[in-house]
């Protein structure tokens, strides 16, 4: 009878025993979760920093070229291979879909919302950079859509980088393309936004 009572009471006294194994294991799990949360916070800050730099460069470059180059002859940067030539583009990147300005504005806003949702589980620095490029580029062109003529949500995007035999684009377009290429590369490598790596 005494032996049965001893066996029955063992699980109750385990956590308070001198070893304290369950308590220590819980502490280790808690510490790991805190470290992961801190790492996620750093990745979000990296995303926002990249987005802010892209947005600042895009906005300042557009303000500069509109003030100095619009309604002037193209400026040759590398002969006729690369010029600065300001145009107003109501379409998507590289002057596509000019009749869909409002629809393109909605797409840009949707991209921003999707990136914000993904960022909540972001623990990968390469993904943070890629999403930051997309976010900064989307904000850059969305600013034009909202604030430039001919009206709100119908504004024309300022494009000015004009390579020979290619569409005219801007820094926001370049960031969006670079971010998209990086996301494709990361996906092929099997790296997810949460930092896990999988192989198909």
C-alpha atoms as a PDB file:
ATOM      1  CA  UNK A   1       0.000   0.000   0.000  1.00  0.00           C
ATOM      2  CA  UNK A   2       2.788   2.405   0.904  1.00  0.00           C
ATOM      3  CA  UNK A   3       4.561   1.503  -2.327  1.00  0.00           C
ATOM      4  CA  UNK A   4       1.440   2.337  -4.343  1.00  0.00           C
ATOM      5  CA  UNK A   5       1.135   5.750  -2.639  1.00  0.00           C
ATOM      6  CA  UNK A   6       4.790   6.505  -3.431  1.00  0.00           C
ATOM      7  CA  UNK A   7       4.348   5.699  -7.121  1.00  0.00           C
ATOM      8  CA  UNK A   8       1.129   7.720  -7.359  1.00  0.00           C
ATOM      9  CA  UNK A   9       2.672  10.801  -5.767  1.00  0.00           C
ATOM     10  CA  UNK A  10       5.800  10.859  -8.001  1.00  0.00           C
ATOM     11  CA  UNK A  11       4.347  12.929 -10.923  1.00  0.00           C
ATOM     12  CA  UNK A  12       3.008  15.571  -8.520  1.00  0.00           C
ATOM     13  CA  UNK A  13       6.344  16.117  -6.862  1.00  0.00           C
ATOM     14  CA  UNK A  14       8.335  16.046 -10.167  1.00  0.00           C
ATOM     15  CA  UNK A  15       8.166  19.744 -11.096  1.00  0.00           C
ATOM     16  CA  UNK A  16       9.061  20.777  -7.527  1.00  0.00           C
ATOM     17  CA  UNK A  17      11.898  18.301  -7.212  1.00  0.00           C
ATOM     18  CA  UNK A  18      15.509  19.307  -7.018  1.00  0.00           C
ATOM     19  CA  UNK A  19      16.115  18.494 -10.734  1.00  0.00           C
ATOM     20  CA  UNK A  20      13.268  20.757 -11.913  1.00  0.00           C
ATOM     21  CA  UNK A  21      13.499  19.366 -15.455  1.00  0.00           C
ATOM     22  CA  UNK A  22       9.992  20.388 -16.656  1.00  0.00           C
ATOM     23  CA  UNK A  23      10.475  23.965 -15.453  1.00  0.00           C
ATOM     24  CA  UNK A  24      13.876  24.273 -17.151  1.00  0.00           C
ATOM     25  CA  UNK A  25      12.492  22.890 -20.406  1.00  0.00           C
ATOM     26  CA  UNK A  26       9.663  25.420 -20.362  1.00  0.00           C
ATOM     27  CA  UNK A  27      12.164  28.243 -19.784  1.00  0.00           C
ATOM     28  CA  UNK A  28      14.252  27.106 -22.740  1.00  0.00           C
ATOM     29  CA  UNK A  29      11.174  27.030 -24.993  1.00  0.00           C
ATOM     30  CA  UNK A  30      10.163  30.486 -23.820  1.00  0.00           C
ATOM     31  CA  UNK A  31      13.631  31.867 -24.528  1.00  0.00           C
ATOM     32  CA  UNK A  32      13.621  30.407 -28.027  1.00  0.00           C
ATOM     33  CA  UNK A  33      10.274  32.068 -28.777  1.00  0.00           C
ATOM     34  CA  UNK A  34      11.615  35.407 -27.552  1.00  0.00           C
ATOM     35  CA  UNK A  35      14.700  35.091 -29.734  1.00  0.00           C
ATOM     36  CA  UNK A  36      12.524  34.299 -32.755  1.00  0.00           C
ATOM     37  CA  UNK A  37      10.319  37.303 -32.054  1.00  0.00           C
ATOM     38  CA  UNK A  38      13.378  39.545 -31.836  1.00  0.00           C
ATOM     39  CA  UNK A  39      14.721  38.187 -35.096  1.00  0.00           C
ATOM     40  CA  UNK A  40      11.373  38.818 -36.768  1.00  0.00           C
ATOM     41  CA  UNK A  41      11.401  42.397 -35.523  1.00  0.00           C
ATOM     42  CA  UNK A  42      14.829  42.979 -37.053  1.00  0.00           C
ATOM     43  CA  UNK A  43      13.653  41.571 -40.388  1.00  0.00           C
ATOM     44  CA  UNK A  44      10.623  43.881 -40.403  1.00  0.00           C
ATOM     45  CA  UNK A  45      12.899  46.850 -39.690  1.00  0.00           C
ATOM     46  CA  UNK A  46      15.100  45.772 -42.606  1.00  0.00           C
ATOM     47  CA  UNK A  47      12.021  45.571 -44.857  1.00  0.00           C
ATOM     48  CA  UNK A  48      10.888  49.052 -43.838  1.00  0.00           C
ATOM     49  CA  UNK A  49      14.396  50.490 -44.257  1.00  0.00           C
ATOM     50  CA  UNK A  50      14.732  49.117 -47.797  1.00  0.00           C
ATOM     51  CA  UNK A  51      11.234  50.356 -48.652  1.00  0.00           C
ATOM     52  CA  UNK A  52      11.977  53.827 -47.238  1.00  0.00           C
ATOM     53  CA  UNK A  53      15.230  54.136 -49.209  1.00  0.00           C
ATOM     54  CA  UNK A  54      13.546  53.033 -52.459  1.00  0.00           C
ATOM     55  CA  UNK A  55      10.629  55.392 -51.891  1.00  0.00           C
ATOM     56  CA  UNK A  56      12.876  58.345 -51.052  1.00  0.00           C
ATOM     57  CA  UNK A  57      15.078  57.803 -54.119  1.00  0.00           C
ATOM     58  CA  UNK A  58      12.078  57.366 -56.405  1.00  0.00           C
ATOM     59  CA  UNK A  59      10.212  60.403 -55.094  1.00  0.00           C
ATOM     60  CA  UNK A  60      13.250  62.703 -55.118  1.00  0.00           C
ATOM     61  CA  UNK A  61      14.294  61.617 -58.613  1.00  0.00           C
ATOM     62  CA  UNK A  62      10.791  62.268 -59.975  1.00  0.00           C
ATOM     63  CA  UNK A  63      10.596  65.703 -58.360  1.00  0.00           C
ATOM     64  CA  UNK A  64      14.008  66.567 -59.800  1.00  0.00           C
ATOM     65  CA  UNK A  65      13.369  65.445 -63.373  1.00  0.00           C
ATOM     66  CA  UNK A  66       9.921  67.045 -63.489  1.00  0.00           C
ATOM     67  CA  UNK A  67      11.393  70.355 -62.318  1.00  0.00           C
ATOM     68  CA  UNK A  68      14.488  70.285 -64.532  1.00  0.00           C
ATOM     69  CA  UNK A  69      13.836  68.040 -67.535  1.00  0.00           C
ATOM     70  CA  UNK A  70      10.143  67.947 -68.371  1.00  0.00           C
ATOM     71  CA  UNK A  71       9.251  69.709 -71.640  1.00  0.00           C
ATOM     72  CA  UNK A  72      12.940  69.747 -72.571  1.00  0.00           C
ATOM     73  CA  UNK A  73      14.929  67.715 -75.053  1.00  0.00           C
ATOM     74  CA  UNK A  74      16.148  64.315 -73.769  1.00  0.00           C
ATOM     75  CA  UNK A  75      19.438  64.321 -71.863  1.00  0.00           C
ATOM     76  CA  UNK A  76      22.009  61.840 -73.148  1.00  0.00           C
ATOM     77  CA  UNK A  77      23.569  59.826 -70.305  1.00  0.00           C
ATOM     78  CA  UNK A  78      25.399  57.204 -72.413  1.00  0.00           C
ATOM     79  CA  UNK A  79      25.055  58.598 -75.894  1.00  0.00           C
ATOM     80  CA  UNK A  80      21.845  57.337 -77.487  1.00  0.00           C
ATOM     81  CA  UNK A  81      22.026  54.069 -75.512  1.00  0.00           C
ATOM     82  CA  UNK A  82      20.640  55.660 -72.332  1.00  0.00           C
ATOM     83  CA  UNK A  83      18.801  58.956 -72.005  1.00  0.00           C
ATOM     84  CA  UNK A  84      16.705  60.823 -69.466  1.00  0.00           C
ATOM     85  CA  UNK A  85      13.409  61.658 -71.146  1.00  0.00           C
ATOM     86  CA  UNK A  86      10.413  62.586 -68.971  1.00  0.00           C
ATOM     87  CA  UNK A  87       7.032  61.151 -69.932  1.00  0.00           C
ATOM     88  CA  UNK A  88       3.732  60.782 -68.051  1.00  0.00           C
ATOM     89  CA  UNK A  89       2.557  57.175 -68.012  1.00  0.00           C
ATOM     90  CA  UNK A  90      -1.035  56.318 -67.064  1.00  0.00           C
ATOM     91  CA  UNK A  91      -0.431  52.602 -67.549  1.00  0.00           C
ATOM     92  CA  UNK A  92       1.506  49.958 -65.645  1.00  0.00           C
ATOM     93  CA  UNK A  93       5.251  49.527 -65.542  1.00  0.00           C
ATOM     94  CA  UNK A  94       6.918  50.149 -68.892  1.00  0.00           C
ATOM     95  CA  UNK A  95       3.822  51.982 -70.257  1.00  0.00           C
ATOM     96  CA  UNK A  96       1.557  48.924 -70.463  1.00  0.00           C
ATOM     97  CA  UNK A  97      -2.212  49.063 -69.878  1.00  0.00           C
ATOM     98  CA  UNK A  98      -2.800  52.816 -70.108  1.00  0.00           C
ATOM     99  CA  UNK A  99      -6.596  52.389 -70.031  1.00  0.00           C
ATOM    100  CA  UNK A 100      -6.522  50.640 -66.639  1.00  0.00           C
ATOM    101  CA  UNK A 101      -5.241  53.408 -64.369  1.00  0.00           C
ATOM    102  CA  UNK A 102      -7.775  52.971 -61.545  1.00  0.00           C
ATOM    103  CA  UNK A 103      -7.456  49.191 -61.695  1.00  0.00           C
ATOM    104  CA  UNK A 104      -3.670  49.462 -61.483  1.00  0.00           C
ATOM    105  CA  UNK A 105      -4.020  51.762 -58.483  1.00  0.00           C
ATOM    106  CA  UNK A 106      -6.124  49.123 -56.716  1.00  0.00           C
ATOM    107  CA  UNK A 107      -3.529  46.459 -57.543  1.00  0.00           C
ATOM    108  CA  UNK A 108      -0.741  48.587 -56.055  1.00  0.00           C
ATOM    109  CA  UNK A 109      -2.735  49.130 -52.856  1.00  0.00           C
ATOM    110  CA  UNK A 110      -3.487  45.387 -52.672  1.00  0.00           C
ATOM    111  CA  UNK A 111       0.207  44.542 -53.021  1.00  0.00           C
ATOM    112  CA  UNK A 112       0.980  46.808 -50.060  1.00  0.00           C
ATOM    113  CA  UNK A 113      -1.680  45.089 -47.921  1.00  0.00           C
ATOM    114  CA  UNK A 114      -0.398  41.611 -48.855  1.00  0.00           C
ATOM    115  CA  UNK A 115       3.185  42.570 -47.978  1.00  0.00           C
ATOM    116  CA  UNK A 116       1.996  43.904 -44.614  1.00  0.00           C
ATOM    117  CA  UNK A 117       0.314  40.550 -43.877  1.00  0.00           C
ATOM    118  CA  UNK A 118       3.388  38.539 -44.900  1.00  0.00           C
ATOM    119  CA  UNK A 119       5.610  40.747 -42.747  1.00  0.00           C
ATOM    120  CA  UNK A 120       3.929  39.462 -39.572  1.00  0.00           C
ATOM    121  CA  UNK A 121       5.648  36.093 -40.064  1.00  0.00           C
ATOM    122  CA  UNK A 122       8.856  37.347 -41.653  1.00  0.00           C
ATOM    123  CA  UNK A 123      12.104  35.842 -40.328  1.00  0.00           C
ATOM    124  CA  UNK A 124      14.219  35.798 -43.527  1.00  0.00           C
ATOM    125  CA  UNK A 125      16.537  38.715 -44.378  1.00  0.00           C
ATOM    126  CA  UNK A 126      16.580  38.004 -48.161  1.00  0.00           C
ATOM    127  CA  UNK A 127      12.773  37.993 -48.157  1.00  0.00           C
ATOM    128  CA  UNK A 128      12.793  41.231 -46.156  1.00  0.00           C
ATOM    129  CA  UNK A 129      14.960  42.854 -48.835  1.00  0.00           C
ATOM    130  CA  UNK A 130      12.786  41.524 -51.665  1.00  0.00           C
ATOM    131  CA  UNK A 131       9.549  42.645 -50.035  1.00  0.00           C
ATOM    132  CA  UNK A 132      11.108  46.000 -49.168  1.00  0.00           C
ATOM    133  CA  UNK A 133      11.932  46.573 -52.835  1.00  0.00           C
ATOM    134  CA  UNK A 134       8.360  45.709 -53.812  1.00  0.00           C
ATOM    135  CA  UNK A 135       6.867  47.855 -51.067  1.00  0.00           C
ATOM    136  CA  UNK A 136       8.991  50.914 -51.835  1.00  0.00           C
ATOM    137  CA  UNK A 137       8.319  50.614 -55.560  1.00  0.00           C
ATOM    138  CA  UNK A 138       4.581  50.130 -55.062  1.00  0.00           C
ATOM    139  CA  UNK A 139       4.400  53.156 -52.754  1.00  0.00           C
ATOM    140  CA  UNK A 140       6.409  55.242 -55.219  1.00  0.00           C
ATOM    141  CA  UNK A 141       4.099  54.644 -58.161  1.00  0.00           C
ATOM    142  CA  UNK A 142       0.992  54.733 -55.957  1.00  0.00           C
ATOM    143  CA  UNK A 143       1.978  58.242 -54.825  1.00  0.00           C
ATOM    144  CA  UNK A 144       1.921  59.356 -58.457  1.00  0.00           C
ATOM    145  CA  UNK A 145      -1.443  57.652 -59.029  1.00  0.00           C
ATOM    146  CA  UNK A 146      -2.984  59.474 -56.079  1.00  0.00           C
ATOM    147  CA  UNK A 147      -1.441  62.952 -56.245  1.00  0.00           C
ATOM    148  CA  UNK A 148      -0.520  63.714 -59.858  1.00  0.00           C
ATOM    149  CA  UNK A 149      -2.773  64.944 -62.647  1.00  0.00           C
ATOM    150  CA  UNK A 150      -5.263  64.341 -64.154  1.00  0.00           C
ATOM    151  CA  UNK A 151      -6.866  63.396 -60.812  1.00  0.00           C
ATOM    152  CA  UNK A 152      -6.859  61.301 -57.669  1.00  0.00           C
ATOM    153  CA  UNK A 153      -6.395  57.572 -58.335  1.00  0.00           C
ATOM    154  CA  UNK A 154      -6.014  58.401 -62.044  1.00  0.00           C
ATOM    155  CA  UNK A 155      -2.666  60.185 -61.910  1.00  0.00           C
ATOM    156  CA  UNK A 156       0.028  59.511 -64.474  1.00  0.00           C
ATOM    157  CA  UNK A 157       3.303  58.023 -63.254  1.00  0.00           C
ATOM    158  CA  UNK A 158       6.499  59.938 -64.047  1.00  0.00           C
ATOM    159  CA  UNK A 159       8.916  57.835 -66.107  1.00  0.00           C
ATOM    160  CA  UNK A 160      12.282  59.143 -67.244  1.00  0.00           C
ATOM    161  CA  UNK A 161      14.884  56.354 -67.679  1.00  0.00           C
ATOM    162  CA  UNK A 162      14.925  55.707 -71.420  1.00  0.00           C
ATOM    163  CA  UNK A 163      17.261  52.979 -72.696  1.00  0.00           C
ATOM    164  CA  UNK A 164      17.536  52.583 -76.458  1.00  0.00           C
ATOM    165  CA  UNK A 165      14.932  50.245 -77.983  1.00  0.00           C
ATOM    166  CA  UNK A 166      13.193  49.752 -74.640  1.00  0.00           C
ATOM    167  CA  UNK A 167      10.279  51.214 -72.686  1.00  0.00           C
ATOM    168  CA  UNK A 168      10.769  54.268 -70.483  1.00  0.00           C
ATOM    169  CA  UNK A 169      10.625  53.502 -66.749  1.00  0.00           C
ATOM    170  CA  UNK A 170      11.520  54.892 -63.312  1.00  0.00           C
ATOM    171  CA  UNK A 171      13.306  53.791 -60.131  1.00  0.00           C
ATOM    172  CA  UNK A 172      10.094  52.386 -58.616  1.00  0.00           C
ATOM    173  CA  UNK A 173       9.650  50.120 -61.652  1.00  0.00           C
ATOM    174  CA  UNK A 174      13.265  48.964 -61.299  1.00  0.00           C
ATOM    175  CA  UNK A 175      12.781  48.155 -57.612  1.00  0.00           C
ATOM    176  CA  UNK A 176       9.590  46.192 -58.326  1.00  0.00           C
ATOM    177  CA  UNK A 177      11.310  44.146 -61.024  1.00  0.00           C
ATOM    178  CA  UNK A 178      14.379  43.480 -58.848  1.00  0.00           C
ATOM    179  CA  UNK A 179      12.159  42.475 -55.916  1.00  0.00           C
ATOM    180  CA  UNK A 180      10.154  40.137 -58.115  1.00  0.00           C
ATOM    181  CA  UNK A 181      13.297  38.495 -59.519  1.00  0.00           C
ATOM    182  CA  UNK A 182      14.669  38.019 -55.998  1.00  0.00           C
ATOM    183  CA  UNK A 183      11.399  36.419 -54.837  1.00  0.00           C
ATOM    184  CA  UNK A 184      11.484  33.974 -57.763  1.00  0.00           C
ATOM    185  CA  UNK A 185      15.091  33.099 -56.928  1.00  0.00           C
ATOM    186  CA  UNK A 186      14.292  32.545 -53.248  1.00  0.00           C
ATOM    187  CA  UNK A 187      11.304  30.398 -54.156  1.00  0.00           C
ATOM    188  CA  UNK A 188      13.449  28.210 -56.404  1.00  0.00           C
ATOM    189  CA  UNK A 189      15.945  27.866 -53.564  1.00  0.00           C
ATOM    190  CA  UNK A 190      13.102  26.701 -51.308  1.00  0.00           C
ATOM    191  CA  UNK A 191      13.443  29.544 -48.809  1.00  0.00           C
ATOM    192  CA  UNK A 192      10.140  30.693 -47.273  1.00  0.00           C
ATOM    193  CA  UNK A 193       9.455  34.116 -45.697  1.00  0.00           C
ATOM    194  CA  UNK A 194       9.409  32.510 -42.234  1.00  0.00           C
ATOM    195  CA  UNK A 195      13.005  31.364 -42.699  1.00  0.00           C
ATOM    196  CA  UNK A 196      12.277  27.675 -43.265  1.00  0.00           C
ATOM    197  CA  UNK A 197      13.877  25.827 -46.155  1.00  0.00           C
ATOM    198  CA  UNK A 198      12.008  23.125 -48.013  1.00  0.00           C
ATOM    199  CA  UNK A 199      12.953  20.873 -50.910  1.00  0.00           C
ATOM    200  CA  UNK A 200      10.365  19.531 -53.334  1.00  0.00           C
END
